[in-house]
Amino acid sequence: MTYLVLDGLTKRYGASTAVDGLTLSIAKGEFVSLLGPSGCGKTTTLQMIAGFVEPTGGSIRLDGQELLRIPANKRGLGIVFQNYALFPHMTAAQNVAFGLEMQRVGKAESADRVSDALKLVGLSHLADRHPARMSGGQQQRVALARALVIRPRVLLLDEPLSNLDAKLREEMQLELRSIQRTVGTTTVLVTHDQSEALALSDRIVVMNQGRVEQIAQPRTAYEAPASEFVGSFLGKANLFTAIRDDGGGQRALRIGTASIALLDEAIPEGKVIVRPEKMVFCPPGPHALPGVMQARVFQGNHWLCQVQTALGPVMVIRQNDSADVPPEGATVHLSWRAADMIPIGVAASAVAVS
């Protein structure tokens, strides 16, 4: 059931357009991420939903009610900012209780709801601690508890994990998704972190220069990008130009010196993407693309390799399965399946994602 609707939402600053006719419908309880590079309009969109920025055009409806007529403090939304915005002179419990005080909730009910919120985020034991004596992850959880305790109609998250280190960020992604599923609050996240959007979202809205490039489930957006921008922004990608080659009695696509047999009529000529994890090192042969190992970086669970070929640099991700990886300077050959070539610009619904 559609719950939050952005219809032709537009924001202009003079001759500059920050958000250009964004239309999006979000179901009740859904987790949607606005993803894109700096300046793409995602934060402006969130601020218009929150009521901090007035749209130039379009509408925002929540459960059938037009939000643009309602002041920000009356919209019933929970917000977690990038810097958490905790009050340093208040304890964790006092910070969480602040929104309830603004709603004039009674002391007894407030105490129960604060206790439940801190328990939900695993901080019951730190109720009396001030933010200065908390880690970044703990402060982030207090900010989340403060947003959830008011029982918001929609939870808005403005890059809430960006200030955390990599390991803690991954842990908090799991925590945040678990909490959101437990509470069932409709959630809109703004992020420029592709892995964060993939990990957390029911759907991703990929934005570029104020416009929506694609709205899709994470795996669909990754496996079937609607544009070259989506394919290159959402994860690592090798971009090739494929040319039809029906010589030798078989249908194939030729990419450089490699001839890839076609098993699917739906794969067209033109620009295609091959993800680095789909590339494999192979013996020399007519179906292999030769190159030289230019660089390789060990990243724990995998190797990230850059191979210089006649088509330019090609990225390869090789899982760390204890097998040897060719050294830098070595001649190597690459291959991949025809099914792993992603045609650019083909509608996501036309590409099978198993």
Protein backbone atom coordinates (compact mmCIF):
# COMPACT_ATOMS: atom_id res chain seq x y z
CA MET A 1 0.00 0.00 0.00
CA THR A 2 1.41 3.39 -1.02
CA TYR A 3 2.11 5.51 2.06
CA LEU A 4 4.54 8.32 1.17
CA VAL A 5 4.25 9.91 -2.28
CA LEU A 6 6.60 12.44 -3.86
CA ASP A 7 4.93 13.78 -7.00
CA GLY A 8 6.96 15.92 -9.40
CA LEU A 9 9.02 17.26 -6.51
CA THR A 10 11.24 20.11 -7.70
CA LYS A 11 13.65 22.53 -6.06
CA ARG A 12 15.39 25.37 -7.87
CA TYR A 13 17.88 27.89 -6.56
CA GLY A 14 17.82 30.65 -9.14
CA ALA A 15 18.97 29.16 -12.44
CA SER A 16 20.23 25.99 -10.70
CA THR A 17 17.94 22.97 -10.32
CA ALA A 18 18.75 20.82 -7.28
CA VAL A 19 15.86 18.37 -7.70
CA ASP A 20 14.08 18.03 -11.03
CA GLY A 21 10.58 16.52 -11.03
CA LEU A 22 11.23 13.60 -8.68
CA THR A 23 8.31 11.17 -8.49
CA LEU A 24 8.42 8.30 -6.01
CA SER A 25 5.89 6.15 -4.15
CA ILE A 26 6.96 4.40 -0.92
CA ALA A 27 4.97 1.65 0.77
CA LYS A 28 4.23 1.60 4.49
CA GLY A 29 7.11 -0.09 6.32
CA GLU A 30 9.44 0.08 3.30
CA PHE A 31 13.13 1.01 3.57
CA VAL A 32 14.15 3.21 0.61
CA SER A 33 17.59 4.73 0.01
CA LEU A 34 18.32 7.86 -2.01
CA LEU A 35 21.75 7.14 -3.48
CA GLY A 36 24.03 9.31 -5.56
CA PRO A 37 27.16 11.47 -5.64
CA SER A 38 27.50 14.80 -3.85
CA GLY A 39 25.25 17.44 -5.38
CA CYS A 40 22.78 15.00 -6.93
CA GLY A 41 19.82 16.33 -4.90
CA LYS A 42 19.32 13.48 -2.41
CA THR A 43 19.80 15.57 0.75
CA THR A 44 17.64 18.38 -0.64
CA THR A 45 14.91 15.80 -1.25
CA LEU A 46 15.14 14.58 2.35
CA GLN A 47 15.03 18.15 3.64
CA MET A 48 11.89 18.86 1.61
CA ILE A 49 10.21 15.79 3.13
CA ALA A 50 11.29 16.94 6.59
CA GLY A 51 9.99 20.46 5.98
CA PHE A 52 13.34 22.23 6.26
CA VAL A 53 13.35 23.26 2.57
CA GLU A 54 10.31 24.51 0.66
CA PRO A 55 9.85 22.90 -2.77
CA THR A 56 9.62 25.04 -5.89
CA GLY A 57 7.04 22.65 -7.30
CA GLY A 58 5.35 19.29 -6.81
CA SER A 59 3.74 17.73 -3.77
CA ILE A 60 4.49 15.44 -0.82
CA ARG A 61 1.66 13.28 0.51
CA LEU A 62 1.85 11.10 3.60
CA ASP A 63 -0.99 8.65 4.10
CA GLY A 64 -3.10 10.80 1.79
CA GLN A 65 -2.32 14.06 3.63
CA GLU A 66 -0.50 16.93 1.86
CA LEU A 67 2.62 17.64 3.95
CA LEU A 68 3.50 20.96 2.37
CA ARG A 69 0.76 22.67 4.36
CA ILE A 70 2.13 21.32 7.65
CA PRO A 71 5.09 22.89 9.56
CA ALA A 72 8.17 20.72 10.05
CA ASN A 73 7.58 20.27 13.79
CA LYS A 74 4.01 19.04 13.18
CA ARG A 75 4.76 16.40 10.54
CA GLY A 76 5.49 13.61 13.02
CA LEU A 77 8.74 12.57 11.39
CA GLY A 78 11.83 11.17 13.09
CA ILE A 79 15.21 12.43 11.86
CA VAL A 80 18.76 11.19 12.45
CA PHE A 81 21.40 13.64 11.26
CA GLN A 82 24.94 12.93 10.06
CA ASN A 83 26.46 14.48 13.20
CA TYR A 84 23.75 12.96 15.50
CA ALA A 85 22.97 16.44 17.00
CA LEU A 86 22.87 15.15 20.59
CA PHE A 87 22.70 17.61 23.47
CA PRO A 88 26.10 17.35 25.23
CA HIS A 89 24.76 18.43 28.63
CA MET A 90 22.08 15.70 28.65
CA THR A 91 22.45 11.99 29.42
CA ALA A 92 21.44 9.36 26.87
CA ALA A 93 18.04 8.98 28.52
CA GLN A 94 17.47 12.73 28.62
CA ASN A 95 18.40 13.05 24.95
CA VAL A 96 15.95 10.29 24.02
CA ALA A 97 13.21 11.85 26.17
CA PHE A 98 13.55 15.29 24.58
CA GLY A 99 11.10 14.64 21.74
CA LEU A 100 8.52 13.26 24.15
CA GLU A 101 8.76 16.42 26.23
CA MET A 102 8.02 18.45 23.11
CA GLN A 103 4.95 16.25 22.58
CA ARG A 104 3.95 16.81 26.23
CA VAL A 105 3.92 13.09 26.98
CA GLY A 106 3.39 12.33 30.69
CA LYS A 107 6.41 11.49 32.83
CA ALA A 108 5.41 7.89 33.56
CA GLU A 109 4.70 7.06 29.91
CA SER A 110 7.81 8.93 28.83
CA ALA A 111 10.02 6.95 31.22
CA ASP A 112 8.60 3.65 29.88
CA ARG A 113 9.05 4.65 26.25
CA VAL A 114 12.61 5.91 26.82
CA SER A 115 13.46 2.64 28.56
CA ASP A 116 12.00 0.62 25.66
CA ALA A 117 13.84 2.73 23.05
CA LEU A 118 17.21 2.36 24.78
CA LYS A 119 16.62 -1.37 25.14
CA LEU A 120 15.80 -1.59 21.43
CA VAL A 121 19.19 -0.09 20.49
CA GLY A 122 21.07 -2.03 23.17
CA LEU A 123 21.97 0.92 25.41
CA SER A 124 19.95 0.36 28.57
CA HIS A 125 23.20 0.17 30.56
CA LEU A 126 24.28 3.63 29.35
CA ALA A 127 21.08 5.53 30.12
CA ASP A 128 22.87 7.91 32.52
CA ARG A 129 25.98 8.49 30.40
CA HIS A 130 26.65 11.75 28.55
CA PRO A 131 27.54 11.78 24.81
CA ALA A 132 31.14 12.86 25.44
CA ARG A 133 31.76 9.57 27.24
CA MET A 134 30.29 7.47 24.41
CA SER A 135 31.79 6.02 21.26
CA GLY A 136 30.58 7.11 17.83
CA GLY A 137 28.51 3.96 17.47
CA GLN A 138 26.86 4.50 20.85
CA GLN A 139 26.05 8.12 20.01
CA GLN A 140 24.53 6.96 16.73
CA ARG A 141 22.29 4.53 18.62
CA VAL A 142 21.16 7.26 21.02
CA ALA A 143 20.24 9.45 18.05
CA LEU A 144 18.31 6.54 16.50
CA ALA A 145 16.49 5.85 19.79
CA ARG A 146 15.57 9.55 20.06
CA ALA A 147 14.10 9.47 16.56
CA LEU A 148 12.15 6.24 17.14
CA VAL A 149 10.80 7.01 20.62
CA ILE A 150 8.31 9.55 19.26
CA ARG A 151 6.84 6.76 17.07
CA PRO A 152 7.41 8.66 13.84
CA ARG A 153 5.23 8.25 10.79
CA VAL A 154 8.44 8.18 8.71
CA LEU A 155 12.07 7.86 9.80
CA LEU A 156 14.51 10.06 7.85
CA LEU A 157 18.21 9.18 7.98
CA ASP A 158 20.76 11.69 6.63
CA GLU A 159 24.02 9.72 6.16
CA PRO A 160 23.89 8.56 9.81
CA LEU A 161 26.80 6.11 9.50
CA SER A 162 29.28 8.25 7.56
CA ASN A 163 31.27 9.31 10.65
CA LEU A 164 31.93 5.74 11.79
CA ASP A 165 34.99 3.65 10.95
CA ALA A 166 34.59 0.89 8.36
CA LYS A 167 34.18 -2.04 10.76
CA LEU A 168 31.71 -0.22 13.00
CA ARG A 169 29.79 1.02 9.97
CA GLU A 170 29.23 -2.56 8.80
CA GLU A 171 28.10 -3.62 12.27
CA MET A 172 25.70 -0.69 12.50
CA GLN A 173 24.25 -1.50 9.08
CA LEU A 174 23.16 -4.87 10.46
CA GLU A 175 21.85 -3.25 13.65
CA LEU A 176 19.94 -0.56 11.75
CA ARG A 177 18.30 -3.02 9.36
CA SER A 178 17.35 -5.32 12.24
CA ILE A 179 15.84 -2.44 14.24
CA GLN A 180 13.92 -1.12 11.23
CA ARG A 181 12.43 -4.55 10.57
CA THR A 182 11.52 -4.97 14.24
CA VAL A 183 9.79 -1.59 14.49
CA GLY A 184 8.41 -1.56 10.93
CA THR A 185 8.83 2.20 10.48
CA THR A 186 8.78 3.55 6.93
CA THR A 187 12.35 4.72 6.39
CA VAL A 188 14.11 6.98 3.88
CA LEU A 189 17.92 6.95 3.96
CA VAL A 190 20.23 9.39 2.20
CA THR A 191 23.67 7.98 1.41
CA HIS A 192 26.51 8.17 -1.11
CA ASP A 193 27.79 4.75 0.03
CA GLN A 194 26.78 2.10 -2.50
CA SER A 195 27.42 -0.86 -0.18
CA GLU A 196 25.29 0.78 2.52
CA ALA A 197 22.38 1.25 0.13
CA LEU A 198 22.69 -2.32 -1.15
CA ALA A 199 22.81 -3.75 2.37
CA LEU A 200 19.93 -1.82 3.91
CA SER A 201 17.33 -1.07 1.28
CA ASP A 202 14.18 -2.67 -0.02
CA ARG A 203 14.58 -0.32 -2.99
CA ILE A 204 17.23 2.11 -4.17
CA VAL A 205 16.62 5.45 -5.89
CA VAL A 206 19.78 6.29 -7.87
CA MET A 207 20.02 10.03 -8.49
CA ASN A 208 22.27 12.09 -10.75
CA GLN A 209 22.21 15.87 -11.23
CA GLY A 210 18.79 16.22 -9.63
CA ARG A 211 17.13 13.49 -11.68
CA VAL A 212 16.25 9.88 -10.96
CA GLU A 213 18.29 7.44 -13.04
CA GLN A 214 16.70 4.26 -11.70
CA ILE A 215 14.36 3.00 -8.97
CA ALA A 216 14.76 -0.70 -8.27
CA GLN A 217 15.48 -3.39 -5.73
CA PRO A 218 19.21 -3.46 -4.84
CA ARG A 219 20.07 -6.62 -6.76
CA THR A 220 18.10 -5.54 -9.82
CA ALA A 221 19.84 -2.14 -9.88
CA TYR A 222 23.22 -3.88 -9.59
CA GLU A 223 22.60 -6.68 -12.09
CA ALA A 224 20.47 -4.68 -14.55
CA PRO A 225 21.42 -0.98 -14.42
CA ALA A 226 19.18 1.29 -16.46
CA SER A 227 22.04 3.53 -17.60
CA GLU A 228 25.81 3.71 -17.87
CA PHE A 229 25.82 6.04 -14.87
CA VAL A 230 23.98 3.54 -12.64
CA GLY A 231 26.20 0.69 -13.80
CA SER A 232 29.41 2.56 -13.04
CA PHE A 233 28.24 4.25 -9.82
CA LEU A 234 26.63 1.22 -8.21
CA GLY A 235 29.69 -0.94 -7.66
CA LYS A 236 32.77 -1.51 -9.80
CA ALA A 237 32.27 -2.09 -13.50
CA ASN A 238 34.19 -2.83 -16.69
CA LEU A 239 32.62 -1.06 -19.67
CA PHE A 240 33.11 -2.67 -23.09
CA THR A 241 31.76 -2.20 -26.61
CA ALA A 242 30.52 -5.49 -28.03
CA ILE A 243 30.39 -6.17 -31.80
CA ARG A 244 28.34 -8.99 -33.36
CA ASP A 245 30.57 -11.74 -34.76
CA ASP A 246 28.85 -14.70 -36.43
CA GLY A 247 31.98 -16.14 -38.01
CA GLY A 248 33.03 -19.72 -37.45
CA GLY A 249 29.48 -21.05 -37.52
CA GLN A 250 28.39 -19.69 -34.14
CA ARG A 251 26.74 -16.52 -32.92
CA ALA A 252 29.11 -14.47 -30.78
CA LEU A 253 30.07 -11.02 -29.59
CA ARG A 254 33.60 -9.80 -30.14
CA ILE A 255 35.22 -7.61 -27.50
CA GLY A 256 38.77 -6.78 -28.45
CA THR A 257 40.41 -10.10 -29.29
CA ALA A 258 37.93 -12.10 -27.20
CA SER A 259 34.96 -13.78 -28.84
CA ILE A 260 32.12 -14.53 -26.42
CA ALA A 261 29.59 -17.17 -27.52
CA LEU A 262 25.98 -15.97 -27.31
CA LEU A 263 23.41 -18.13 -25.59
CA ASP A 264 20.79 -15.41 -25.17
CA GLU A 265 19.15 -13.55 -28.05
CA ALA A 266 18.36 -10.65 -25.67
CA ILE A 267 22.01 -9.54 -25.39
CA PRO A 268 22.51 -6.82 -28.02
CA GLU A 269 25.52 -5.20 -29.56
CA GLY A 270 26.81 -1.98 -28.10
CA LYS A 271 27.92 -0.99 -24.62
CA VAL A 272 27.94 -3.73 -22.00
CA ILE A 273 29.15 -3.96 -18.42
CA VAL A 274 30.97 -6.90 -16.89
CA ARG A 275 31.35 -6.80 -13.12
CA PRO A 276 34.91 -7.48 -11.85
CA GLU A 277 33.80 -10.47 -9.77
CA LYS A 278 32.52 -12.14 -12.96
CA MET A 279 35.94 -11.98 -14.64
CA VAL A 280 38.19 -15.05 -14.32
CA PHE A 281 41.80 -15.80 -15.15
CA CYS A 282 42.01 -18.51 -17.81
CA PRO A 283 44.46 -20.24 -20.20
CA PRO A 284 45.32 -18.52 -23.51
CA GLY A 285 42.87 -19.14 -26.33
CA PRO A 286 40.58 -17.58 -28.94
CA HIS A 287 37.95 -16.81 -26.30
CA ALA A 288 40.34 -15.03 -23.90
CA LEU A 289 41.31 -11.38 -23.56
CA PRO A 290 45.09 -11.07 -23.02
CA GLY A 291 46.68 -8.50 -20.75
CA VAL A 292 49.37 -7.75 -18.18
CA MET A 293 48.80 -7.68 -14.42
CA GLN A 294 49.39 -4.01 -13.68
CA ALA A 295 48.50 -3.97 -9.97
CA ARG A 296 46.96 -6.21 -7.36
CA VAL A 297 45.74 -5.30 -3.89
CA PHE A 298 45.02 -7.80 -1.12
CA GLN A 299 41.82 -6.88 0.73
CA GLY A 300 41.43 -9.81 3.10
CA ASN A 301 38.57 -11.83 1.66
CA HIS A 302 39.49 -10.98 -1.93
CA TRP A 303 42.13 -9.63 -4.30
CA LEU A 304 41.41 -6.51 -6.37
CA CYS A 305 43.42 -6.69 -9.59
CA GLN A 306 43.94 -4.26 -12.45
CA VAL A 307 44.89 -5.82 -15.77
CA GLN A 308 46.12 -3.66 -18.63
CA THR A 309 44.63 -4.83 -21.96
CA ALA A 310 44.29 -3.54 -25.50
CA LEU A 311 40.89 -2.21 -24.37
CA GLY A 312 42.40 -0.31 -21.45
CA PRO A 313 42.53 -1.26 -17.75
CA VAL A 314 40.20 -4.05 -16.65
CA MET A 315 39.32 -4.71 -13.00
CA VAL A 316 39.17 -8.26 -11.67
CA ILE A 317 38.03 -9.39 -8.23
CA ARG A 318 39.38 -12.76 -7.20
CA GLN A 319 38.06 -14.32 -3.99
CA ASN A 320 40.71 -15.33 -1.49
CA ASP A 321 40.43 -19.10 -1.77
CA SER A 322 44.13 -19.65 -0.99
CA ALA A 323 44.96 -20.12 -4.69
CA ASP A 324 47.85 -18.15 -6.16
CA VAL A 325 47.11 -14.85 -7.89
CA PRO A 326 49.36 -13.89 -10.85
CA PRO A 327 52.09 -11.42 -9.79
CA GLU A 328 52.39 -7.89 -11.09
CA GLY A 329 53.98 -7.83 -14.54
CA ALA A 330 52.72 -11.31 -15.45
CA THR A 331 50.92 -11.97 -18.74
CA VAL A 332 47.37 -13.11 -18.01
CA HIS A 333 44.22 -13.97 -19.94
CA LEU A 334 40.66 -13.12 -18.95
CA SER A 335 37.32 -14.67 -19.77
CA TRP A 336 33.70 -14.33 -18.71
CA ARG A 337 30.32 -15.76 -19.58
CA ALA A 338 27.98 -14.19 -22.11
CA ALA A 339 25.31 -14.24 -19.39
CA ASP A 340 27.50 -11.95 -17.25
CA MET A 341 27.44 -9.12 -19.81
CA ILE A 342 24.96 -6.43 -18.77
CA PRO A 343 23.52 -4.44 -21.67
CA ILE A 344 23.46 -0.74 -20.84
CA GLY A 345 20.08 0.96 -20.98
CA VAL A 346 17.95 -2.20 -21.18
CA ALA A 347 14.96 -1.87 -18.84
CA ALA A 348 15.50 -3.80 -15.63
CA SER A 349 12.29 -5.79 -16.16
CA ALA A 350 13.69 -7.12 -19.44
CA VAL A 351 16.74 -8.67 -17.80
CA ALA A 352 16.35 -11.86 -15.79
CA VAL A 353 17.79 -11.65 -12.29
CA SER A 354 17.75 -15.07 -10.67
